[in-house]
Amino acid sequence: MTTVQTNKVSDELMAAMNPAAKKEKSTAEAAQDRFMTLLVTQMRNQDPLNPLDNAQVTSQLAQLSTVTGIDKLNTTIEALMGSYKTSQSMQAADMIGHGVFVPGSSIELQDSQSLFGFDLAEAADNVKVTITDKTGAVVRTLDLGAQKAGVLPLAWDGKSDDGKAVLPDGKYSFSVKAVTAGKKVEATNLSFGTVSSVSTGNQGVKLSVPGVGDFNLSDVRQIL
């Protein structure tokens, strides 16, 4: 009868051949193991007439607990950040194809139609919007009177101040002057555009708005 010999595979070889079975310890866990080894060794070899100081041991244990807690906190924060980025990406993807108001001073006039706006930090007694062409010449002035705080969308049909001439399609710019009791009110100019794509990187999630630029989700003041 033929005898088939088998070799016993050592645990070390199994571990080496199976990287997935390896689990590296965190810095805090490694430090904890070293501390406990040193503490046990010190207690075994302590002088009976001069035992370890309980207060010192307690202090060391407290410091070790703090390090372990910080390590666990960092791990939790990293997990939360990953979840937050995923949530942001999904939220941003839903905005593709939607019109948005984002910080900017440009107006895109197409087929004698355009949208833009501004965001007032507080209510104003008098608001004036000035639209200029690419040469800087004023082509339209809008006196809006008193306005409440918040985002105010505006539409422009491309007509000049006399209401007769219709300006050619293209790029225009605008500025906003808002005052209350003679004092300036902070106003953020808002350009309008359609989100075409979303990208993620070291700077977080970015929305691409053709003709306007790339923006963070937090930059969006209003979605249409």
C-alpha atoms as a PDB file:
ATOM      1  CA  MET A   1       0.000   0.000   0.000  1.00  0.00           C
ATOM      2  CA  THR A   2       1.297   3.413  -0.949  1.00  0.00           C
ATOM      3  CA  THR A   3       1.508   5.919   1.837  1.00  0.00           C
ATOM      4  CA  VAL A   4       0.800   9.517   0.979  1.00  0.00           C
ATOM      5  CA  GLN A   5       2.771  11.894   3.154  1.00  0.00           C
ATOM      6  CA  THR A   6       1.361  15.230   4.069  1.00  0.00           C
ATOM      7  CA  ASN A   7       3.239  18.177   5.468  1.00  0.00           C
ATOM      8  CA  LYS A   8       1.689  20.234   8.212  1.00  0.00           C
ATOM      9  CA  VAL A   9       1.419  23.844   7.145  1.00  0.00           C
ATOM     10  CA  SER A  10       2.565  26.192   9.861  1.00  0.00           C
ATOM     11  CA  ASP A  11       0.416  29.063  11.090  1.00  0.00           C
ATOM     12  CA  GLU A  12       3.180  31.470  10.078  1.00  0.00           C
ATOM     13  CA  LEU A  13       3.124  30.223   6.477  1.00  0.00           C
ATOM     14  CA  MET A  14      -0.677  30.422   6.344  1.00  0.00           C
ATOM     15  CA  ALA A  15      -0.559  33.985   7.587  1.00  0.00           C
ATOM     16  CA  ALA A  16       2.119  34.909   5.059  1.00  0.00           C
ATOM     17  CA  MET A  17       0.125  33.408   2.186  1.00  0.00           C
ATOM     18  CA  ASN A  18      -3.105  35.073   3.285  1.00  0.00           C
ATOM     19  CA  PRO A  19      -2.579  38.859   3.544  1.00  0.00           C
ATOM     20  CA  ALA A  20      -6.278  39.356   4.254  1.00  0.00           C
ATOM     21  CA  ALA A  21      -5.802  37.528   7.520  1.00  0.00           C
ATOM     22  CA  LYS A  22      -3.288  40.115   8.667  1.00  0.00           C
ATOM     23  CA  LYS A  23      -4.588  43.007  10.655  1.00  0.00           C
ATOM     24  CA  GLU A  24      -2.228  45.777  11.537  1.00  0.00           C
ATOM     25  CA  LYS A  25      -2.752  47.349  14.885  1.00  0.00           C
ATOM     26  CA  SER A  26      -3.395  51.038  15.157  1.00  0.00           C
ATOM     27  CA  THR A  27      -0.836  53.308  16.781  1.00  0.00           C
ATOM     28  CA  ALA A  28      -2.952  53.534  19.930  1.00  0.00           C
ATOM     29  CA  GLU A  29      -3.369  49.744  20.164  1.00  0.00           C
ATOM     30  CA  ALA A  30       0.358  49.176  19.686  1.00  0.00           C
ATOM     31  CA  ALA A  31       1.155  51.747  22.378  1.00  0.00           C
ATOM     32  CA  GLN A  32      -1.377  50.126  24.704  1.00  0.00           C
ATOM     33  CA  ASP A  33       0.201  46.688  24.213  1.00  0.00           C
ATOM     34  CA  ARG A  34       3.678  48.057  24.915  1.00  0.00           C
ATOM     35  CA  PHE A  35       2.478  49.881  28.015  1.00  0.00           C
ATOM     36  CA  MET A  36       0.729  46.809  29.437  1.00  0.00           C
ATOM     37  CA  THR A  37       3.792  44.645  28.755  1.00  0.00           C
ATOM     38  CA  LEU A  38       6.054  47.115  30.527  1.00  0.00           C
ATOM     39  CA  LEU A  39       3.595  47.512  33.415  1.00  0.00           C
ATOM     40  CA  VAL A  40       3.273  43.765  33.994  1.00  0.00           C
ATOM     41  CA  THR A  41       7.052  43.340  33.781  1.00  0.00           C
ATOM     42  CA  GLN A  42       7.574  46.192  36.233  1.00  0.00           C
ATOM     43  CA  MET A  43       5.026  44.773  38.688  1.00  0.00           C
ATOM     44  CA  ARG A  44       6.628  41.332  38.553  1.00  0.00           C
ATOM     45  CA  ASN A  45      10.056  42.749  39.295  1.00  0.00           C
ATOM     46  CA  GLN A  46       9.133  45.493  41.733  1.00  0.00           C
ATOM     47  CA  ASP A  47      10.838  45.842  45.075  1.00  0.00           C
ATOM     48  CA  PRO A  48       8.427  44.594  47.780  1.00  0.00           C
ATOM     49  CA  LEU A  49       9.822  47.222  50.126  1.00  0.00           C
ATOM     50  CA  ASN A  50       9.321  49.971  47.526  1.00  0.00           C
ATOM     51  CA  PRO A  51       6.226  49.059  45.459  1.00  0.00           C
ATOM     52  CA  LEU A  52       4.904  51.030  42.515  1.00  0.00           C
ATOM     53  CA  ASP A  53       3.275  54.355  43.201  1.00  0.00           C
ATOM     54  CA  ASN A  54      -0.482  53.892  42.684  1.00  0.00           C
ATOM     55  CA  ALA A  55      -0.937  57.542  41.725  1.00  0.00           C
ATOM     56  CA  GLN A  56       1.747  57.277  39.039  1.00  0.00           C
ATOM     57  CA  VAL A  57       0.245  54.087  37.596  1.00  0.00           C
ATOM     58  CA  THR A  58      -3.219  55.651  37.579  1.00  0.00           C
ATOM     59  CA  SER A  59      -1.879  58.743  35.807  1.00  0.00           C
ATOM     60  CA  GLN A  60      -0.203  56.603  33.149  1.00  0.00           C
ATOM     61  CA  LEU A  61      -3.379  54.606  32.607  1.00  0.00           C
ATOM     62  CA  ALA A  62      -5.361  57.834  32.230  1.00  0.00           C
ATOM     63  CA  GLN A  63      -2.909  59.132  29.620  1.00  0.00           C
ATOM     64  CA  LEU A  64      -3.105  55.844  27.733  1.00  0.00           C
ATOM     65  CA  SER A  65      -6.895  55.986  27.808  1.00  0.00           C
ATOM     66  CA  THR A  66      -6.785  59.518  26.373  1.00  0.00           C
ATOM     67  CA  VAL A  67      -4.545  58.410  23.487  1.00  0.00           C
ATOM     68  CA  THR A  68      -6.834  55.452  22.759  1.00  0.00           C
ATOM     69  CA  GLY A  69      -9.898  57.703  22.844  1.00  0.00           C
ATOM     70  CA  ILE A  70      -8.327  60.212  20.436  1.00  0.00           C
ATOM     71  CA  ASP A  71      -7.423  57.403  18.033  1.00  0.00           C
ATOM     72  CA  LYS A  72     -10.994  56.087  18.069  1.00  0.00           C
ATOM     73  CA  LEU A  73     -12.343  59.628  17.633  1.00  0.00           C
ATOM     74  CA  ASN A  74     -10.118  60.172  14.583  1.00  0.00           C
ATOM     75  CA  THR A  75     -11.350  56.917  13.069  1.00  0.00           C
ATOM     76  CA  THR A  76     -14.966  57.944  13.661  1.00  0.00           C
ATOM     77  CA  ILE A  77     -14.407  61.398  12.136  1.00  0.00           C
ATOM     78  CA  GLU A  78     -12.774  59.866   9.045  1.00  0.00           C
ATOM     79  CA  ALA A  79     -15.772  57.553   8.604  1.00  0.00           C
ATOM     80  CA  LEU A  80     -18.189  60.472   8.986  1.00  0.00           C
ATOM     81  CA  MET A  81     -16.226  62.566   6.470  1.00  0.00           C
ATOM     82  CA  GLY A  82     -16.356  59.736   3.958  1.00  0.00           C
ATOM     83  CA  SER A  83     -20.102  59.394   4.442  1.00  0.00           C
ATOM     84  CA  TYR A  84     -20.542  63.170   4.141  1.00  0.00           C
ATOM     85  CA  LYS A  85     -18.583  63.320   0.860  1.00  0.00           C
ATOM     86  CA  THR A  86     -20.683  60.482  -0.564  1.00  0.00           C
ATOM     87  CA  SER A  87     -23.876  62.259   0.462  1.00  0.00           C
ATOM     88  CA  GLN A  88     -22.612  65.502  -1.105  1.00  0.00           C
ATOM     89  CA  SER A  89     -21.791  63.751  -4.368  1.00  0.00           C
ATOM     90  CA  MET A  90     -25.254  62.210  -4.597  1.00  0.00           C
ATOM     91  CA  GLN A  91     -26.909  65.537  -3.765  1.00  0.00           C
ATOM     92  CA  ALA A  92     -24.799  67.343  -6.358  1.00  0.00           C
ATOM     93  CA  ALA A  93     -25.545  64.739  -9.045  1.00  0.00           C
ATOM     94  CA  ASP A  94     -29.267  65.425  -8.619  1.00  0.00           C
ATOM     95  CA  MET A  95     -28.631  69.062  -9.596  1.00  0.00           C
ATOM     96  CA  ILE A  96     -27.371  68.264 -13.104  1.00  0.00           C
ATOM     97  CA  GLY A  97     -29.682  69.924 -15.619  1.00  0.00           C
ATOM     98  CA  HIS A  98     -31.103  72.362 -13.050  1.00  0.00           C
ATOM     99  CA  GLY A  99     -30.707  76.135 -13.241  1.00  0.00           C
ATOM    100  CA  VAL A 100     -28.891  77.748 -10.319  1.00  0.00           C
ATOM    101  CA  PHE A 101     -28.039  81.202  -9.031  1.00  0.00           C
ATOM    102  CA  VAL A 102     -24.385  81.392  -7.972  1.00  0.00           C
ATOM    103  CA  PRO A 103     -22.050  84.305  -7.124  1.00  0.00           C
ATOM    104  CA  GLY A 104     -21.121  86.203 -10.280  1.00  0.00           C
ATOM    105  CA  SER A 105     -21.652  89.448 -12.168  1.00  0.00           C
ATOM    106  CA  SER A 106     -22.178  88.145 -15.701  1.00  0.00           C
ATOM    107  CA  ILE A 107     -25.405  88.038 -17.725  1.00  0.00           C
ATOM    108  CA  GLU A 108     -25.907  85.750 -20.712  1.00  0.00           C
ATOM    109  CA  LEU A 109     -28.431  87.269 -23.101  1.00  0.00           C
ATOM    110  CA  GLN A 110     -29.928  84.615 -25.401  1.00  0.00           C
ATOM    111  CA  ASP A 111     -32.870  85.204 -27.723  1.00  0.00           C
ATOM    112  CA  SER A 112     -33.422  88.518 -25.916  1.00  0.00           C
ATOM    113  CA  GLN A 113     -33.901  86.705 -22.614  1.00  0.00           C
ATOM    114  CA  SER A 114     -31.734  86.480 -19.521  1.00  0.00           C
ATOM    115  CA  LEU A 115     -31.846  85.729 -15.811  1.00  0.00           C
ATOM    116  CA  PHE A 116     -29.642  87.073 -13.033  1.00  0.00           C
ATOM    117  CA  GLY A 117     -30.149  88.379  -9.499  1.00  0.00           C
ATOM    118  CA  PHE A 118     -28.635  89.429  -6.213  1.00  0.00           C
ATOM    119  CA  ASP A 119     -28.714  88.524  -2.536  1.00  0.00           C
ATOM    120  CA  LEU A 120     -29.270  91.319  -0.003  1.00  0.00           C
ATOM    121  CA  ALA A 121     -27.762  90.864   3.442  1.00  0.00           C
ATOM    122  CA  GLU A 122     -30.568  93.035   4.875  1.00  0.00           C
ATOM    123  CA  ALA A 123     -33.562  95.032   3.699  1.00  0.00           C
ATOM    124  CA  ALA A 124     -32.780  98.136   1.645  1.00  0.00           C
ATOM    125  CA  ASP A 125     -34.701 101.370   1.082  1.00  0.00           C
ATOM    126  CA  ASN A 126     -33.444 101.771  -2.460  1.00  0.00           C
ATOM    127  CA  VAL A 127     -31.852  99.296  -4.892  1.00  0.00           C
ATOM    128  CA  LYS A 128     -30.431 100.163  -8.316  1.00  0.00           C
ATOM    129  CA  VAL A 129     -29.064  97.672 -10.870  1.00  0.00           C
ATOM    130  CA  THR A 130     -26.774  98.832 -13.666  1.00  0.00           C
ATOM    131  CA  ILE A 131     -26.176  96.641 -16.741  1.00  0.00           C
ATOM    132  CA  THR A 132     -23.131  97.259 -18.928  1.00  0.00           C
ATOM    133  CA  ASP A 133     -21.859  95.789 -22.199  1.00  0.00           C
ATOM    134  CA  LYS A 134     -18.387  94.357 -22.833  1.00  0.00           C
ATOM    135  CA  THR A 135     -16.969  97.858 -23.362  1.00  0.00           C
ATOM    136  CA  GLY A 136     -18.242  99.009 -19.964  1.00  0.00           C
ATOM    137  CA  ALA A 137     -20.916 101.263 -21.404  1.00  0.00           C
ATOM    138  CA  VAL A 138     -24.184 101.423 -19.448  1.00  0.00           C
ATOM    139  CA  VAL A 139     -27.043  99.925 -21.511  1.00  0.00           C
ATOM    140  CA  ARG A 140     -29.785  99.589 -18.906  1.00  0.00           C
ATOM    141  CA  THR A 141     -30.523 100.884 -15.423  1.00  0.00           C
ATOM    142  CA  LEU A 142     -33.161  99.287 -13.201  1.00  0.00           C
ATOM    143  CA  ASP A 143     -34.564 101.253 -10.253  1.00  0.00           C
ATOM    144  CA  LEU A 144     -36.090  98.607  -7.995  1.00  0.00           C
ATOM    145  CA  GLY A 145     -36.953 100.778  -4.997  1.00  0.00           C
ATOM    146  CA  ALA A 146     -37.234  99.128  -1.582  1.00  0.00           C
ATOM    147  CA  GLN A 147     -36.431  95.418  -1.364  1.00  0.00           C
ATOM    148  CA  LYS A 148     -36.470  92.802   1.391  1.00  0.00           C
ATOM    149  CA  ALA A 149     -33.410  90.843   2.488  1.00  0.00           C
ATOM    150  CA  GLY A 150     -32.643  87.646   0.584  1.00  0.00           C
ATOM    151  CA  VAL A 151     -32.348  86.472  -3.004  1.00  0.00           C
ATOM    152  CA  LEU A 152     -34.144  88.466  -5.702  1.00  0.00           C
ATOM    153  CA  PRO A 153     -34.160  86.933  -9.232  1.00  0.00           C
ATOM    154  CA  LEU A 154     -34.396  89.374 -12.144  1.00  0.00           C
ATOM    155  CA  ALA A 155     -35.202  88.995 -15.835  1.00  0.00           C
ATOM    156  CA  TRP A 156     -33.920  91.236 -18.632  1.00  0.00           C
ATOM    157  CA  ASP A 157     -35.329  91.254 -22.152  1.00  0.00           C
ATOM    158  CA  GLY A 158     -32.282  92.892 -23.703  1.00  0.00           C
ATOM    159  CA  LYS A 159     -33.950  96.278 -24.161  1.00  0.00           C
ATOM    160  CA  SER A 160     -32.005  99.462 -23.554  1.00  0.00           C
ATOM    161  CA  ASP A 161     -33.066 102.312 -21.279  1.00  0.00           C
ATOM    162  CA  ASP A 162     -35.238 103.922 -23.940  1.00  0.00           C
ATOM    163  CA  GLY A 163     -37.219 100.684 -24.209  1.00  0.00           C
ATOM    164  CA  LYS A 164     -36.939 100.655 -27.988  1.00  0.00           C
ATOM    165  CA  ALA A 165     -33.553  99.233 -28.942  1.00  0.00           C
ATOM    166  CA  VAL A 166     -33.053  95.498 -28.450  1.00  0.00           C
ATOM    167  CA  LEU A 167     -29.414  94.733 -27.753  1.00  0.00           C
ATOM    168  CA  PRO A 168     -27.632  91.802 -29.434  1.00  0.00           C
ATOM    169  CA  ASP A 169     -27.271  88.474 -27.653  1.00  0.00           C
ATOM    170  CA  GLY A 170     -24.029  87.925 -25.781  1.00  0.00           C
ATOM    171  CA  LYS A 171     -22.238  88.587 -22.537  1.00  0.00           C
ATOM    172  CA  TYR A 172     -23.100  91.532 -20.301  1.00  0.00           C
ATOM    173  CA  SER A 173     -22.221  92.516 -16.744  1.00  0.00           C
ATOM    174  CA  PHE A 174     -24.144  94.128 -13.921  1.00  0.00           C
ATOM    175  CA  SER A 175     -23.614  95.818 -10.581  1.00  0.00           C
ATOM    176  CA  VAL A 176     -25.949  96.429  -7.652  1.00  0.00           C
ATOM    177  CA  LYS A 177     -26.128  99.459  -5.383  1.00  0.00           C
ATOM    178  CA  ALA A 178     -28.325  99.117  -2.296  1.00  0.00           C
ATOM    179  CA  VAL A 179     -28.705 101.648   0.528  1.00  0.00           C
ATOM    180  CA  THR A 180     -30.725 102.117   3.693  1.00  0.00           C
ATOM    181  CA  ALA A 181     -30.877 105.524   5.355  1.00  0.00           C
ATOM    182  CA  GLY A 182     -27.902 106.563   3.262  1.00  0.00           C
ATOM    183  CA  LYS A 183     -25.797 103.578   4.335  1.00  0.00           C
ATOM    184  CA  LYS A 184     -24.614 100.876   1.951  1.00  0.00           C
ATOM    185  CA  VAL A 185     -26.267  97.450   2.194  1.00  0.00           C
ATOM    186  CA  GLU A 186     -24.169  94.441   1.292  1.00  0.00           C
ATOM    187  CA  ALA A 187     -25.388  92.804  -1.918  1.00  0.00           C
ATOM    188  CA  THR A 188     -23.967  89.681  -3.564  1.00  0.00           C
ATOM    189  CA  ASN A 189     -24.316  89.589  -7.346  1.00  0.00           C
ATOM    190  CA  LEU A 190     -25.740  86.315  -8.681  1.00  0.00           C
ATOM    191  CA  SER A 191     -25.312  84.874 -12.157  1.00  0.00           C
ATOM    192  CA  PHE A 192     -27.653  82.254 -13.566  1.00  0.00           C
ATOM    193  CA  GLY A 193     -26.635  79.056 -15.340  1.00  0.00           C
ATOM    194  CA  THR A 194     -27.427  75.374 -15.754  1.00  0.00           C
ATOM    195  CA  VAL A 195     -25.385  72.696 -13.964  1.00  0.00           C
ATOM    196  CA  SER A 196     -23.804  70.468 -16.616  1.00  0.00           C
ATOM    197  CA  SER A 197     -21.610  68.142 -14.563  1.00  0.00           C
ATOM    198  CA  VAL A 198     -20.273  67.315 -11.111  1.00  0.00           C
ATOM    199  CA  SER A 199     -16.697  66.509 -10.100  1.00  0.00           C
ATOM    200  CA  THR A 200     -15.036  65.436  -6.852  1.00  0.00           C
ATOM    201  CA  GLY A 201     -11.471  66.045  -5.741  1.00  0.00           C
ATOM    202  CA  ASN A 202      -9.257  67.310  -2.940  1.00  0.00           C
ATOM    203  CA  GLN A 203     -11.324  70.496  -2.793  1.00  0.00           C
ATOM    204  CA  GLY A 204     -14.595  68.572  -2.405  1.00  0.00           C
ATOM    205  CA  VAL A 205     -17.580  68.406  -4.717  1.00  0.00           C
ATOM    206  CA  LYS A 206     -17.687  70.951  -7.549  1.00  0.00           C
ATOM    207  CA  LEU A 207     -20.602  71.945  -9.774  1.00  0.00           C
ATOM    208  CA  SER A 208     -19.721  72.973 -13.326  1.00  0.00           C
ATOM    209  CA  VAL A 209     -21.892  75.803 -14.667  1.00  0.00           C
ATOM    210  CA  PRO A 210     -20.923  76.573 -18.295  1.00  0.00           C
ATOM    211  CA  GLY A 211     -20.244  80.233 -18.952  1.00  0.00           C
ATOM    212  CA  VAL A 212     -20.128  80.993 -15.240  1.00  0.00           C
ATOM    213  CA  GLY A 213     -17.582  78.683 -13.568  1.00  0.00           C
ATOM    214  CA  ASP A 214     -17.146  75.875 -11.034  1.00  0.00           C
ATOM    215  CA  PHE A 215     -18.776  76.180  -7.619  1.00  0.00           C
ATOM    216  CA  ASN A 216     -19.200  74.425  -4.284  1.00  0.00           C
ATOM    217  CA  LEU A 217     -22.627  73.268  -3.193  1.00  0.00           C
ATOM    218  CA  SER A 218     -22.586  75.982  -0.538  1.00  0.00           C
ATOM    219  CA  ASP A 219     -22.232  78.632  -3.272  1.00  0.00           C
ATOM    220  CA  VAL A 220     -25.670  77.878  -4.693  1.00  0.00           C
ATOM    221  CA  ARG A 221     -28.122  80.524  -3.491  1.00  0.00           C
ATOM    222  CA  GLN A 222     -31.210  79.308  -5.350  1.00  0.00           C
ATOM    223  CA  ILE A 223     -32.208  76.347  -7.543  1.00  0.00           C
ATOM    224  CA  LEU A 224     -34.815  76.564 -10.299  1.00  0.00           C
END
